[in-house]
C-alpha atoms as a PDB file:
ATOM      1  CA  UNK A   1    -112.051  62.238  38.535  1.00  0.00           C
ATOM      2  CA  UNK A   2    -112.338  62.280  34.727  1.00  0.00           C
ATOM      3  CA  UNK A   3    -115.564  60.288  34.897  1.00  0.00           C
ATOM      4  CA  UNK A   4    -117.051  62.839  37.278  1.00  0.00           C
ATOM      5  CA  UNK A   5    -116.115  65.732  34.997  1.00  0.00           C
ATOM      6  CA  UNK A   6    -117.497  63.922  31.957  1.00  0.00           C
ATOM      7  CA  UNK A   7    -120.732  63.149  33.788  1.00  0.00           C
ATOM      8  CA  UNK A   8    -121.101  66.752  34.985  1.00  0.00           C
ATOM      9  CA  UNK A   9    -120.460  68.117  31.496  1.00  0.00           C
ATOM     10  CA  UNK A  10    -123.098  65.765  30.154  1.00  0.00           C
ATOM     11  CA  UNK A  11    -125.587  66.975  32.758  1.00  0.00           C
ATOM     12  CA  UNK A  12    -124.775  70.597  31.929  1.00  0.00           C
ATOM     13  CA  UNK A  13    -125.336  69.948  28.235  1.00  0.00           C
ATOM     14  CA  UNK A  14    -128.662  68.250  28.969  1.00  0.00           C
ATOM     15  CA  UNK A  15    -129.788  71.071  31.274  1.00  0.00           C
ATOM     16  CA  UNK A  16    -128.721  73.699  28.727  1.00  0.00           C
ATOM     17  CA  UNK A  17    -130.790  71.922  26.104  1.00  0.00           C
ATOM     18  CA  UNK A  18    -133.799  71.884  28.437  1.00  0.00           C
ATOM     19  CA  UNK A  19    -133.319  75.578  29.180  1.00  0.00           C
ATOM     20  CA  UNK A  20    -133.112  76.429  25.468  1.00  0.00           C
ATOM     21  CA  UNK A  21    -136.349  74.551  24.782  1.00  0.00           C
ATOM     22  CA  UNK A  22    -138.130  76.222  27.713  1.00  0.00           C
ATOM     23  CA  UNK A  23    -136.998  79.689  26.591  1.00  0.00           C
ATOM     24  CA  UNK A  24    -138.081  79.012  23.013  1.00  0.00           C
ATOM     25  CA  UNK A  25    -141.505  77.845  24.236  1.00  0.00           C
ATOM     26  CA  UNK A  26    -141.858  80.931  26.414  1.00  0.00           C
ATOM     27  CA  UNK A  27    -140.869  83.134  23.491  1.00  0.00           C
ATOM     28  CA  UNK A  28    -143.458  81.472  21.242  1.00  0.00           C
ATOM     29  CA  UNK A  29    -146.157  82.060  23.845  1.00  0.00           C
ATOM     30  CA  UNK A  30    -145.190  85.736  24.156  1.00  0.00           C
ATOM     31  CA  UNK A  31    -145.117  86.209  20.383  1.00  0.00           C
ATOM     32  CA  UNK A  32    -148.602  84.693  20.154  1.00  0.00           C
ATOM     33  CA  UNK A  33    -149.819  87.030  22.897  1.00  0.00           C
ATOM     34  CA  UNK A  34    -148.398  90.023  21.037  1.00  0.00           C
ATOM     35  CA  UNK A  35    -149.967  88.916  17.751  1.00  0.00           C
ATOM     36  CA  UNK A  36    -153.361  88.587  19.453  1.00  0.00           C
ATOM     37  CA  UNK A  37    -152.998  92.048  20.990  1.00  0.00           C
ATOM     38  CA  UNK A  38    -152.051  93.495  17.596  1.00  0.00           C
ATOM     39  CA  UNK A  39    -155.094  91.928  15.987  1.00  0.00           C
ATOM     40  CA  UNK A  40    -157.310  93.176  18.802  1.00  0.00           C
ATOM     41  CA  UNK A  41    -156.146  96.746  18.173  1.00  0.00           C
ATOM     42  CA  UNK A  42    -155.940  96.463  14.355  1.00  0.00           C
ATOM     43  CA  UNK A  43    -152.187  97.076  14.397  1.00  0.00           C
ATOM     44  CA  UNK A  44    -149.876  96.017  11.589  1.00  0.00           C
ATOM     45  CA  UNK A  45    -146.196  95.088  11.771  1.00  0.00           C
ATOM     46  CA  UNK A  46    -145.500  98.399  10.014  1.00  0.00           C
ATOM     47  CA  UNK A  47    -147.214 100.261  12.877  1.00  0.00           C
ATOM     48  CA  UNK A  48    -144.973  98.509  15.391  1.00  0.00           C
ATOM     49  CA  UNK A  49    -141.843  99.092  13.316  1.00  0.00           C
ATOM     50  CA  UNK A  50    -142.630 102.795  12.989  1.00  0.00           C
ATOM     51  CA  UNK A  51    -143.260 103.062  16.730  1.00  0.00           C
ATOM     52  CA  UNK A  52    -139.934 101.390  17.494  1.00  0.00           C
ATOM     53  CA  UNK A  53    -138.097 103.772  15.181  1.00  0.00           C
ATOM     54  CA  UNK A  54    -139.681 106.869  16.706  1.00  0.00           C
ATOM     55  CA  UNK A  55    -139.395 105.749  20.339  1.00  0.00           C
ATOM     56  CA  UNK A  56    -136.636 107.481  22.299  1.00  0.00           C
ATOM     57  CA  UNK A  57    -133.700 105.205  23.009  1.00  0.00           C
ATOM     58  CA  UNK A  58    -133.905 105.749  26.767  1.00  0.00           C
ATOM     59  CA  UNK A  59    -137.371 104.149  26.875  1.00  0.00           C
ATOM     60  CA  UNK A  60    -135.953 100.901  25.550  1.00  0.00           C
ATOM     61  CA  UNK A  61    -133.604 100.498  28.485  1.00  0.00           C
ATOM     62  CA  UNK A  62    -134.598  98.028  31.137  1.00  0.00           C
ATOM     63  CA  UNK A  63    -133.188 100.010  34.026  1.00  0.00           C
ATOM     64  CA  UNK A  64    -133.099 103.802  34.271  1.00  0.00           C
ATOM     65  CA  UNK A  65    -129.787 105.416  35.036  1.00  0.00           C
ATOM     66  CA  UNK A  66    -129.411 106.780  38.537  1.00  0.00           C
ATOM     67  CA  UNK A  67    -128.390 110.167  37.214  1.00  0.00           C
ATOM     68  CA  UNK A  68    -131.738 110.628  35.451  1.00  0.00           C
ATOM     69  CA  UNK A  69    -133.612 110.529  38.749  1.00  0.00           C
ATOM     70  CA  UNK A  70    -131.084 112.613  40.634  1.00  0.00           C
ATOM     71  CA  UNK A  71    -131.052 115.331  37.976  1.00  0.00           C
ATOM     72  CA  UNK A  72    -134.766 116.000  38.571  1.00  0.00           C
ATOM     73  CA  UNK A  73    -134.142 117.017  42.172  1.00  0.00           C
ATOM     74  CA  UNK A  74    -133.757 120.673  43.025  1.00  0.00           C
ATOM     75  CA  UNK A  75    -130.493 121.679  44.699  1.00  0.00           C
ATOM     76  CA  UNK A  76    -130.638 122.044  48.462  1.00  0.00           C
ATOM     77  CA  UNK A  77    -129.344 125.169  50.186  1.00  0.00           C
ATOM     78  CA  UNK A  78    -126.521 124.636  52.677  1.00  0.00           C
ATOM     79  CA  UNK A  79    -127.584 124.444  56.303  1.00  0.00           C
ATOM     80  CA  UNK A  80    -124.168 124.409  58.009  1.00  0.00           C
ATOM     81  CA  UNK A  81    -120.964 126.391  57.369  1.00  0.00           C
ATOM     82  CA  UNK A  82    -117.458 125.934  58.697  1.00  0.00           C
ATOM     83  CA  UNK A  83    -116.464 129.507  59.674  1.00  0.00           C
ATOM     84  CA  UNK A  84    -112.766 128.685  59.405  1.00  0.00           C
ATOM     85  CA  UNK A  85    -112.681 127.269  55.867  1.00  0.00           C
ATOM     86  CA  UNK A  86    -116.001 128.426  54.443  1.00  0.00           C
ATOM     87  CA  UNK A  87    -117.001 124.844  53.581  1.00  0.00           C
ATOM     88  CA  UNK A  88    -120.730 124.144  53.667  1.00  0.00           C
ATOM     89  CA  UNK A  89    -122.981 121.137  54.171  1.00  0.00           C
ATOM     90  CA  UNK A  90    -126.688 120.732  53.443  1.00  0.00           C
ATOM     91  CA  UNK A  91    -127.293 118.492  56.420  1.00  0.00           C
ATOM     92  CA  UNK A  92    -128.131 115.560  54.172  1.00  0.00           C
ATOM     93  CA  UNK A  93    -126.118 112.397  53.901  1.00  0.00           C
ATOM     94  CA  UNK A  94    -122.941 111.603  55.753  1.00  0.00           C
ATOM     95  CA  UNK A  95    -121.493 114.594  57.641  1.00  0.00           C
ATOM     96  CA  UNK A  96    -118.298 116.005  56.154  1.00  0.00           C
ATOM     97  CA  UNK A  97    -115.005 115.414  57.931  1.00  0.00           C
ATOM     98  CA  UNK A  98    -114.836 118.920  59.345  1.00  0.00           C
ATOM     99  CA  UNK A  99    -118.244 118.449  60.988  1.00  0.00           C
ATOM    100  CA  UNK A 100    -117.367 115.028  62.394  1.00  0.00           C
ATOM    101  CA  UNK A 101    -114.054 116.316  63.747  1.00  0.00           C
ATOM    102  CA  UNK A 102    -115.733 119.299  65.403  1.00  0.00           C
ATOM    103  CA  UNK A 103    -118.379 117.102  67.004  1.00  0.00           C
ATOM    104  CA  UNK A 104    -115.693 114.781  68.357  1.00  0.00           C
ATOM    105  CA  UNK A 105    -114.024 117.729  70.066  1.00  0.00           C
ATOM    106  CA  UNK A 106    -117.318 118.630  71.722  1.00  0.00           C
ATOM    107  CA  UNK A 107    -118.603 121.381  69.434  1.00  0.00           C
ATOM    108  CA  UNK A 108    -122.347 121.179  68.914  1.00  0.00           C
ATOM    109  CA  UNK A 109    -123.649 120.927  65.364  1.00  0.00           C
ATOM    110  CA  UNK A 110    -125.856 123.950  66.018  1.00  0.00           C
ATOM    111  CA  UNK A 111    -122.735 126.122  66.256  1.00  0.00           C
ATOM    112  CA  UNK A 112    -122.318 125.727  62.481  1.00  0.00           C
ATOM    113  CA  UNK A 113    -125.914 126.612  61.524  1.00  0.00           C
ATOM    114  CA  UNK A 114    -126.272 129.232  58.833  1.00  0.00           C
ATOM    115  CA  UNK A 115    -128.671 131.956  59.927  1.00  0.00           C
ATOM    116  CA  UNK A 116    -131.737 132.219  57.641  1.00  0.00           C
END
């Protein structure tokens, strides 16, 4: 068992070394591409540094937060109202418990419609 573990650790070390070399090569290629683009547009490292300093922090994130997208949506007016409790539902997403319970007892969803 010890020989197997030693062999596997050796393979992991070798693969990690290969990965490090591949990532470094990829990085060098990307840096060269950026340098060529900078030269093509007559940009200096100072131009890039200034742009990075003035860029909003949110633009540097790789994945936008879900709340950013949701906050751009306008609120939706309620479409249904529970006459007993006054609770409302827009008709979007999963129905609230009061709606599900009423439907299970045979009440039609239309009975809860709010008149326009």
